C-alpha cells in the first residue's frame, strides 16, 4: 500500500518563548534598536515572553523548493527547527509527511578531540544514519571532503573551512524526503563550492521538498522555486521565486 505523498502543512503556527532575568522594558528597547525579533508580551502569570512565530501558514508538496528570507532574528531558523520537530507549537499544527534531514547547525555533534573519521561516524548517527549506512558511505564521504590523511587527525588540528567541509559531506550523505537547510551551505573555497553545488542539486533530486533559509538572494534564486519572507515572526504569503524582487520592494 502506497504511503502518503511527501508534504508539509503548517496551520496557524505560533511559538512563544519565556524570557527570564531580563527587564521587559530593557528587552523591548533592545528589540526596537535592532529592528527585528519577535513580539513582546506577558503570560497569564505576568512573566515576559517573546512570540517568535505568529500565525504561520504554509503548504508544500513534492517538487516545492521554498526559500525563507528575512533579517537576522526574524524567525527563519526558528521555523526550520519547528519543522524539524525541535519545538512544539504553542498554537496551531505542523504536519510533515516524509523522512526529514535537518541541516541546521554546522557544529552539532563535533568532537574536537576525535579524528575526522570518528566525527563522520558521530555526525552520521546524529543525522539518522545507521552504523551500517555510515560504514557503507564512509569512503565516499571521505573522498568528497578532499581531506585525505587529515581524516585520521583530530578535528582540533583542522581549520574552520576543513571542519565545514567534513560537516557538509556528512550532512549531505543522507537520503531524505524533506530537506531543511540553513545558510551554512556556503562553505569552503571556490573549488569546493563547485562540487558542493553539484552535491546539493543531487540531494534535491532525491528529495521531495527543500526549505532553505538564507540572506543570499542568489542562493534563493538558484535553489528555490518559491519564496516566503519572515519579519518579526510574521510571514508573507508564499510567492513564486520569480517575484522575489517584487516581494523585496513591498517590504
C-alpha atoms as a PDB file:
ATOM      1  CA  UNK A   1       0.000   0.000   0.000  1.00  0.00           C
ATOM      2  CA  UNK A   2       1.403   3.365  -1.049  1.00  0.00           C
ATOM      3  CA  UNK A   3       2.201   5.768   1.797  1.00  0.00           C
ATOM      4  CA  UNK A   4       1.187   9.432   1.911  1.00  0.00           C
ATOM      5  CA  UNK A   5       2.782  11.845  -0.535  1.00  0.00           C
ATOM      6  CA  UNK A   6       5.677  13.912   0.775  1.00  0.00           C
ATOM      7  CA  UNK A   7       4.188  17.110   2.134  1.00  0.00           C
ATOM      8  CA  UNK A   8       4.385  19.839   4.770  1.00  0.00           C
ATOM      9  CA  UNK A   9       1.343  21.604   6.162  1.00  0.00           C
ATOM     10  CA  UNK A  10       1.653  24.309   8.813  1.00  0.00           C
ATOM     11  CA  UNK A  11      -1.579  25.772  10.136  1.00  0.00           C
ATOM     12  CA  UNK A  12      -1.800  28.857  12.369  1.00  0.00           C
ATOM     13  CA  UNK A  13       1.591  28.115  13.940  1.00  0.00           C
ATOM     14  CA  UNK A  14       2.522  30.298  16.907  1.00  0.00           C
ATOM     15  CA  UNK A  15       5.646  29.799  19.025  1.00  0.00           C
ATOM     16  CA  UNK A  16       6.361  31.655  22.246  1.00  0.00           C
ATOM     17  CA  UNK A  17       9.457  31.604  24.413  1.00  0.00           C
ATOM     18  CA  UNK A  18       9.593  32.803  28.039  1.00  0.00           C
ATOM     19  CA  UNK A  19      12.295  35.341  28.899  1.00  0.00           C
ATOM     20  CA  UNK A  20      13.892  35.046  32.332  1.00  0.00           C
ATOM     21  CA  UNK A  21      16.034  37.534  34.247  1.00  0.00           C
ATOM     22  CA  UNK A  22      15.558  40.434  31.812  1.00  0.00           C
ATOM     23  CA  UNK A  23      13.505  43.543  32.422  1.00  0.00           C
ATOM     24  CA  UNK A  24      10.706  43.759  29.859  1.00  0.00           C
ATOM     25  CA  UNK A  25      11.309  47.454  29.124  1.00  0.00           C
ATOM     26  CA  UNK A  26      15.027  46.889  28.513  1.00  0.00           C
ATOM     27  CA  UNK A  27      14.297  43.953  26.227  1.00  0.00           C
ATOM     28  CA  UNK A  28      11.720  45.969  24.294  1.00  0.00           C
ATOM     29  CA  UNK A  29      14.245  48.770  23.740  1.00  0.00           C
ATOM     30  CA  UNK A  30      16.825  46.232  22.555  1.00  0.00           C
ATOM     31  CA  UNK A  31      14.421  44.664  20.068  1.00  0.00           C
ATOM     32  CA  UNK A  32      13.454  48.101  18.769  1.00  0.00           C
ATOM     33  CA  UNK A  33      17.111  49.036  18.329  1.00  0.00           C
ATOM     34  CA  UNK A  34      17.938  46.003  16.191  1.00  0.00           C
ATOM     35  CA  UNK A  35      14.621  46.378  14.276  1.00  0.00           C
ATOM     36  CA  UNK A  36      13.965  42.634  14.286  1.00  0.00           C
ATOM     37  CA  UNK A  37      12.809  39.989  16.699  1.00  0.00           C
ATOM     38  CA  UNK A  38       9.516  38.614  17.966  1.00  0.00           C
ATOM     39  CA  UNK A  39       6.669  40.415  19.643  1.00  0.00           C
ATOM     40  CA  UNK A  40       6.956  41.000  23.376  1.00  0.00           C
ATOM     41  CA  UNK A  41       4.105  40.058  25.665  1.00  0.00           C
ATOM     42  CA  UNK A  42       3.236  38.680  29.076  1.00  0.00           C
ATOM     43  CA  UNK A  43       1.992  35.291  30.168  1.00  0.00           C
ATOM     44  CA  UNK A  44      -1.042  34.822  32.411  1.00  0.00           C
ATOM     45  CA  UNK A  45       1.400  34.723  35.337  1.00  0.00           C
ATOM     46  CA  UNK A  46       2.839  38.117  34.393  1.00  0.00           C
ATOM     47  CA  UNK A  47       6.162  36.765  33.055  1.00  0.00           C
ATOM     48  CA  UNK A  48       7.758  38.241  29.930  1.00  0.00           C
ATOM     49  CA  UNK A  49       7.617  36.196  26.735  1.00  0.00           C
ATOM     50  CA  UNK A  50       8.581  36.660  23.100  1.00  0.00           C
ATOM     51  CA  UNK A  51       6.334  35.450  20.296  1.00  0.00           C
ATOM     52  CA  UNK A  52       8.952  34.124  17.890  1.00  0.00           C
ATOM     53  CA  UNK A  53       6.493  32.969  15.221  1.00  0.00           C
ATOM     54  CA  UNK A  54       2.965  34.277  14.848  1.00  0.00           C
ATOM     55  CA  UNK A  55       0.160  32.579  12.920  1.00  0.00           C
ATOM     56  CA  UNK A  56       2.370  30.953  10.264  1.00  0.00           C
ATOM     57  CA  UNK A  57       0.579  29.098   7.456  1.00  0.00           C
ATOM     58  CA  UNK A  58       2.187  27.205   4.612  1.00  0.00           C
ATOM     59  CA  UNK A  59       1.614  24.130   2.499  1.00  0.00           C
ATOM     60  CA  UNK A  60       4.294  22.410   0.436  1.00  0.00           C
ATOM     61  CA  UNK A  61       4.148  19.411  -1.888  1.00  0.00           C
ATOM     62  CA  UNK A  62       6.731  17.249  -3.631  1.00  0.00           C
ATOM     63  CA  UNK A  63       8.767  19.391  -6.002  1.00  0.00           C
ATOM     64  CA  UNK A  64       8.463  22.555  -3.923  1.00  0.00           C
ATOM     65  CA  UNK A  65      11.709  24.370  -3.099  1.00  0.00           C
ATOM     66  CA  UNK A  66      10.919  27.123  -0.603  1.00  0.00           C
ATOM     67  CA  UNK A  67      13.344  29.913   0.206  1.00  0.00           C
ATOM     68  CA  UNK A  68      12.946  31.747   3.514  1.00  0.00           C
ATOM     69  CA  UNK A  69      14.240  35.325   3.596  1.00  0.00           C
ATOM     70  CA  UNK A  70      14.314  37.977   6.321  1.00  0.00           C
ATOM     71  CA  UNK A  71      16.648  39.833   8.679  1.00  0.00           C
ATOM     72  CA  UNK A  72      18.663  38.178  11.440  1.00  0.00           C
ATOM     73  CA  UNK A  73      16.336  37.156  14.239  1.00  0.00           C
ATOM     74  CA  UNK A  74      13.246  37.336  12.030  1.00  0.00           C
ATOM     75  CA  UNK A  75      12.234  33.723  12.688  1.00  0.00           C
ATOM     76  CA  UNK A  76      13.643  31.803   9.704  1.00  0.00           C
ATOM     77  CA  UNK A  77      15.763  29.344  11.671  1.00  0.00           C
ATOM     78  CA  UNK A  78      13.077  29.050  14.345  1.00  0.00           C
ATOM     79  CA  UNK A  79      10.631  27.921  11.664  1.00  0.00           C
ATOM     80  CA  UNK A  80      13.142  25.384  10.323  1.00  0.00           C
ATOM     81  CA  UNK A  81      13.630  23.986  13.828  1.00  0.00           C
ATOM     82  CA  UNK A  82       9.887  23.785  14.345  1.00  0.00           C
ATOM     83  CA  UNK A  83       9.523  21.860  11.076  1.00  0.00           C
ATOM     84  CA  UNK A  84      12.285  19.517  12.257  1.00  0.00           C
ATOM     85  CA  UNK A  85      10.328  18.803  15.441  1.00  0.00           C
ATOM     86  CA  UNK A  86      12.605  20.670  17.841  1.00  0.00           C
ATOM     87  CA  UNK A  87       9.780  22.908  19.087  1.00  0.00           C
ATOM     88  CA  UNK A  88       6.194  22.088  19.990  1.00  0.00           C
ATOM     89  CA  UNK A  89       3.678  24.694  18.773  1.00  0.00           C
ATOM     90  CA  UNK A  90       2.009  26.844  21.408  1.00  0.00           C
ATOM     91  CA  UNK A  91      -0.819  27.239  18.933  1.00  0.00           C
ATOM     92  CA  UNK A  92      -1.560  25.607  15.587  1.00  0.00           C
ATOM     93  CA  UNK A  93      -0.246  22.425  13.991  1.00  0.00           C
ATOM     94  CA  UNK A  94       2.713  21.130  11.984  1.00  0.00           C
ATOM     95  CA  UNK A  95       2.119  18.073   9.796  1.00  0.00           C
ATOM     96  CA  UNK A  96       5.116  16.659   7.897  1.00  0.00           C
ATOM     97  CA  UNK A  97       4.909  13.512   5.768  1.00  0.00           C
ATOM     98  CA  UNK A  98       8.297  12.083   4.810  1.00  0.00           C
ATOM     99  CA  UNK A  99      11.744  11.498   6.274  1.00  0.00           C
ATOM    100  CA  UNK A 100      13.395  14.756   7.359  1.00  0.00           C
ATOM    101  CA  UNK A 101      17.049  15.762   7.053  1.00  0.00           C
ATOM    102  CA  UNK A 102      17.683  18.906   9.100  1.00  0.00           C
ATOM    103  CA  UNK A 103      20.955  20.627   8.181  1.00  0.00           C
ATOM    104  CA  UNK A 104      20.801  23.499  10.637  1.00  0.00           C
ATOM    105  CA  UNK A 105      23.818  23.519  12.945  1.00  0.00           C
ATOM    106  CA  UNK A 106      27.253  23.051  11.448  1.00  0.00           C
ATOM    107  CA  UNK A 107      28.867  22.367  14.827  1.00  0.00           C
ATOM    108  CA  UNK A 108      26.290  19.944  16.206  1.00  0.00           C
ATOM    109  CA  UNK A 109      27.977  16.730  17.319  1.00  0.00           C
ATOM    110  CA  UNK A 110      31.519  17.902  16.575  1.00  0.00           C
ATOM    111  CA  UNK A 111      34.151  16.477  18.932  1.00  0.00           C
ATOM    112  CA  UNK A 112      37.403  18.456  18.553  1.00  0.00           C
ATOM    113  CA  UNK A 113      39.436  15.692  20.201  1.00  0.00           C
ATOM    114  CA  UNK A 114      38.169  12.928  17.893  1.00  0.00           C
ATOM    115  CA  UNK A 115      39.524  12.200  14.427  1.00  0.00           C
ATOM    116  CA  UNK A 116      37.772  13.187  11.242  1.00  0.00           C
ATOM    117  CA  UNK A 117      36.728   9.576  10.686  1.00  0.00           C
ATOM    118  CA  UNK A 118      35.239   9.293  14.159  1.00  0.00           C
ATOM    119  CA  UNK A 119      33.414  12.593  13.674  1.00  0.00           C
ATOM    120  CA  UNK A 120      31.940  11.271  10.439  1.00  0.00           C
ATOM    121  CA  UNK A 121      30.526   8.351  12.431  1.00  0.00           C
ATOM    122  CA  UNK A 122      29.249  10.643  15.187  1.00  0.00           C
ATOM    123  CA  UNK A 123      27.606  13.169  12.896  1.00  0.00           C
ATOM    124  CA  UNK A 124      26.229  10.368  10.753  1.00  0.00           C
ATOM    125  CA  UNK A 125      24.384   8.916  13.739  1.00  0.00           C
ATOM    126  CA  UNK A 126      23.067  12.363  14.653  1.00  0.00           C
ATOM    127  CA  UNK A 127      21.842  12.722  11.058  1.00  0.00           C
ATOM    128  CA  UNK A 128      19.887   9.491  11.464  1.00  0.00           C
ATOM    129  CA  UNK A 129      22.150   7.089   9.573  1.00  0.00           C
ATOM    130  CA  UNK A 130      22.590   3.569  10.931  1.00  0.00           C
ATOM    131  CA  UNK A 131      26.078   2.279  11.754  1.00  0.00           C
ATOM    132  CA  UNK A 132      25.987   0.131   8.598  1.00  0.00           C
ATOM    133  CA  UNK A 133      24.890   3.042   6.415  1.00  0.00           C
ATOM    134  CA  UNK A 134      27.741   5.150   7.768  1.00  0.00           C
ATOM    135  CA  UNK A 135      30.355   2.470   7.114  1.00  0.00           C
ATOM    136  CA  UNK A 136      28.929   1.818   3.636  1.00  0.00           C
ATOM    137  CA  UNK A 137      29.269   5.519   2.791  1.00  0.00           C
ATOM    138  CA  UNK A 138      32.496   6.197   4.693  1.00  0.00           C
ATOM    139  CA  UNK A 139      34.774   6.014   1.661  1.00  0.00           C
ATOM    140  CA  UNK A 140      32.510   8.194  -0.467  1.00  0.00           C
ATOM    141  CA  UNK A 141      32.170  10.785   2.315  1.00  0.00           C
ATOM    142  CA  UNK A 142      35.917  10.795   2.932  1.00  0.00           C
ATOM    143  CA  UNK A 143      36.721  11.261  -0.743  1.00  0.00           C
ATOM    144  CA  UNK A 144      34.188  14.066  -1.066  1.00  0.00           C
ATOM    145  CA  UNK A 145      35.806  16.047   1.744  1.00  0.00           C
ATOM    146  CA  UNK A 146      39.157  16.019  -0.038  1.00  0.00           C
ATOM    147  CA  UNK A 147      40.858  15.929   3.381  1.00  0.00           C
ATOM    148  CA  UNK A 148      42.905  12.786   2.712  1.00  0.00           C
ATOM    149  CA  UNK A 149      45.287  11.919   5.587  1.00  0.00           C
ATOM    150  CA  UNK A 150      43.776  14.684   7.741  1.00  0.00           C
ATOM    151  CA  UNK A 151      40.794  12.379   8.324  1.00  0.00           C
ATOM    152  CA  UNK A 152      42.983  10.370  10.709  1.00  0.00           C
ATOM    153  CA  UNK A 153      43.857  13.502  12.696  1.00  0.00           C
ATOM    154  CA  UNK A 154      41.866  15.228  15.489  1.00  0.00           C
ATOM    155  CA  UNK A 155      39.447  17.936  14.411  1.00  0.00           C
ATOM    156  CA  UNK A 156      41.201  20.460  16.645  1.00  0.00           C
ATOM    157  CA  UNK A 157      44.002  20.446  14.074  1.00  0.00           C
ATOM    158  CA  UNK A 158      41.557  21.459  11.293  1.00  0.00           C
ATOM    159  CA  UNK A 159      40.877  24.946  10.025  1.00  0.00           C
ATOM    160  CA  UNK A 160      37.285  26.213  10.165  1.00  0.00           C
ATOM    161  CA  UNK A 161      36.960  25.559   6.434  1.00  0.00           C
ATOM    162  CA  UNK A 162      38.137  21.959   6.802  1.00  0.00           C
ATOM    163  CA  UNK A 163      35.628  21.340   9.591  1.00  0.00           C
ATOM    164  CA  UNK A 164      32.873  22.828   7.450  1.00  0.00           C
ATOM    165  CA  UNK A 165      33.757  20.549   4.530  1.00  0.00           C
ATOM    166  CA  UNK A 166      33.618  17.498   6.773  1.00  0.00           C
ATOM    167  CA  UNK A 167      30.274  18.509   8.285  1.00  0.00           C
ATOM    168  CA  UNK A 168      28.836  19.311   4.851  1.00  0.00           C
ATOM    169  CA  UNK A 169      29.929  15.954   3.425  1.00  0.00           C
ATOM    170  CA  UNK A 170      28.226  14.010   6.220  1.00  0.00           C
ATOM    171  CA  UNK A 171      25.083  16.136   6.244  1.00  0.00           C
ATOM    172  CA  UNK A 172      24.572  15.692   2.510  1.00  0.00           C
ATOM    173  CA  UNK A 173      25.164  11.929   2.617  1.00  0.00           C
ATOM    174  CA  UNK A 174      21.643  11.365   3.933  1.00  0.00           C
ATOM    175  CA  UNK A 175      18.734  10.350   1.717  1.00  0.00           C
ATOM    176  CA  UNK A 176      15.611  12.174   2.823  1.00  0.00           C
ATOM    177  CA  UNK A 177      12.207  13.267   1.544  1.00  0.00           C
ATOM    178  CA  UNK A 178      12.306  16.692   3.206  1.00  0.00           C
ATOM    179  CA  UNK A 179      15.487  18.785   3.452  1.00  0.00           C
ATOM    180  CA  UNK A 180      15.629  21.669   5.919  1.00  0.00           C
ATOM    181  CA  UNK A 181      18.736  23.740   5.307  1.00  0.00           C
ATOM    182  CA  UNK A 182      20.177  26.849   6.919  1.00  0.00           C
ATOM    183  CA  UNK A 183      22.547  29.107   5.001  1.00  0.00           C
ATOM    184  CA  UNK A 184      25.754  27.448   6.211  1.00  0.00           C
ATOM    185  CA  UNK A 185      25.729  25.590   2.867  1.00  0.00           C
ATOM    186  CA  UNK A 186      28.061  28.339   1.599  1.00  0.00           C
ATOM    187  CA  UNK A 187      31.219  26.681   2.927  1.00  0.00           C
ATOM    188  CA  UNK A 188      34.752  26.186   1.662  1.00  0.00           C
ATOM    189  CA  UNK A 189      36.720  27.803  -1.126  1.00  0.00           C
ATOM    190  CA  UNK A 190      35.634  28.390  -4.726  1.00  0.00           C
ATOM    191  CA  UNK A 191      36.662  24.910  -5.904  1.00  0.00           C
ATOM    192  CA  UNK A 192      34.770  23.238  -3.067  1.00  0.00           C
ATOM    193  CA  UNK A 193      31.755  25.456  -3.772  1.00  0.00           C
ATOM    194  CA  UNK A 194      31.525  23.991  -7.273  1.00  0.00           C
ATOM    195  CA  UNK A 195      31.343  20.397  -6.066  1.00  0.00           C
ATOM    196  CA  UNK A 196      29.126  21.443  -3.160  1.00  0.00           C
ATOM    197  CA  UNK A 197      26.678  22.959  -5.643  1.00  0.00           C
ATOM    198  CA  UNK A 198      26.579  19.712  -7.613  1.00  0.00           C
ATOM    199  CA  UNK A 199      26.113  17.749  -4.381  1.00  0.00           C
ATOM    200  CA  UNK A 200      23.154  19.899  -3.327  1.00  0.00           C
ATOM    201  CA  UNK A 201      21.488  19.502  -6.717  1.00  0.00           C
ATOM    202  CA  UNK A 202      21.847  15.722  -6.455  1.00  0.00           C
ATOM    203  CA  UNK A 203      20.401  15.844  -2.944  1.00  0.00           C
ATOM    204  CA  UNK A 204      17.468  17.924  -4.158  1.00  0.00           C
ATOM    205  CA  UNK A 205      16.753  15.491  -6.993  1.00  0.00           C
ATOM    206  CA  UNK A 206      16.349  12.682  -4.451  1.00  0.00           C
ATOM    207  CA  UNK A 207      14.253  14.774  -2.068  1.00  0.00           C
ATOM    208  CA  UNK A 208      10.649  15.808  -2.426  1.00  0.00           C
ATOM    209  CA  UNK A 209      10.789  19.156  -0.601  1.00  0.00           C
ATOM    210  CA  UNK A 210      13.523  21.676   0.208  1.00  0.00           C
ATOM    211  CA  UNK A 211      13.181  24.536   2.692  1.00  0.00           C
ATOM    212  CA  UNK A 212      16.225  26.832   2.650  1.00  0.00           C
ATOM    213  CA  UNK A 213      16.775  29.853   4.904  1.00  0.00           C
ATOM    214  CA  UNK A 214      19.319  32.349   3.597  1.00  0.00           C
ATOM    215  CA  UNK A 215      20.290  36.005   3.321  1.00  0.00           C
ATOM    216  CA  UNK A 216      21.916  35.245  -0.037  1.00  0.00           C
ATOM    217  CA  UNK A 217      19.290  36.077  -2.640  1.00  0.00           C
ATOM    218  CA  UNK A 218      21.332  34.449  -5.397  1.00  0.00           C
ATOM    219  CA  UNK A 219      21.242  31.158  -3.469  1.00  0.00           C
ATOM    220  CA  UNK A 220      17.470  31.528  -3.145  1.00  0.00           C
ATOM    221  CA  UNK A 221      17.146  32.100  -6.882  1.00  0.00           C
ATOM    222  CA  UNK A 222      19.495  29.216  -7.644  1.00  0.00           C
ATOM    223  CA  UNK A 223      17.890  26.518  -5.487  1.00  0.00           C
ATOM    224  CA  UNK A 224      14.285  27.604  -4.904  1.00  0.00           C
ATOM    225  CA  UNK A 225      11.091  27.933  -6.910  1.00  0.00           C
ATOM    226  CA  UNK A 226       9.068  29.571  -4.116  1.00  0.00           C
ATOM    227  CA  UNK A 227       9.867  32.237  -1.538  1.00  0.00           C
ATOM    228  CA  UNK A 228       8.426  33.496   1.745  1.00  0.00           C
ATOM    229  CA  UNK A 229       9.557  36.490   3.778  1.00  0.00           C
ATOM    230  CA  UNK A 230       9.545  36.399   7.582  1.00  0.00           C
ATOM    231  CA  UNK A 231       9.927  39.546   9.678  1.00  0.00           C
ATOM    232  CA  UNK A 232       9.394  39.737  13.442  1.00  0.00           C
ATOM    233  CA  UNK A 233       7.894  36.267  13.360  1.00  0.00           C
ATOM    234  CA  UNK A 234       5.219  37.164  10.796  1.00  0.00           C
ATOM    235  CA  UNK A 235       5.303  35.545   7.342  1.00  0.00           C
ATOM    236  CA  UNK A 236       4.252  36.846   3.956  1.00  0.00           C
ATOM    237  CA  UNK A 237       2.218  34.633   1.620  1.00  0.00           C
ATOM    238  CA  UNK A 238       4.328  32.181  -0.385  1.00  0.00           C
ATOM    239  CA  UNK A 239       5.204  33.569  -3.814  1.00  0.00           C
ATOM    240  CA  UNK A 240       6.883  32.308  -6.963  1.00  0.00           C
ATOM    241  CA  UNK A 241      10.617  32.974  -6.698  1.00  0.00           C
ATOM    242  CA  UNK A 242      10.338  34.947  -9.953  1.00  0.00           C
ATOM    243  CA  UNK A 243       8.515  37.568  -7.870  1.00  0.00           C
ATOM    244  CA  UNK A 244      11.364  37.869  -5.356  1.00  0.00           C
ATOM    245  CA  UNK A 245      12.174  41.448  -6.356  1.00  0.00           C
ATOM    246  CA  UNK A 246       8.507  42.363  -6.019  1.00  0.00           C
ATOM    247  CA  UNK A 247       8.438  40.838  -2.526  1.00  0.00           C
ATOM    248  CA  UNK A 248      11.544  42.776  -1.503  1.00  0.00           C
ATOM    249  CA  UNK A 249      10.152  46.029  -2.858  1.00  0.00           C
ATOM    250  CA  UNK A 250       6.969  45.589  -0.830  1.00  0.00           C
ATOM    251  CA  UNK A 251       8.887  45.180   2.448  1.00  0.00           C
END
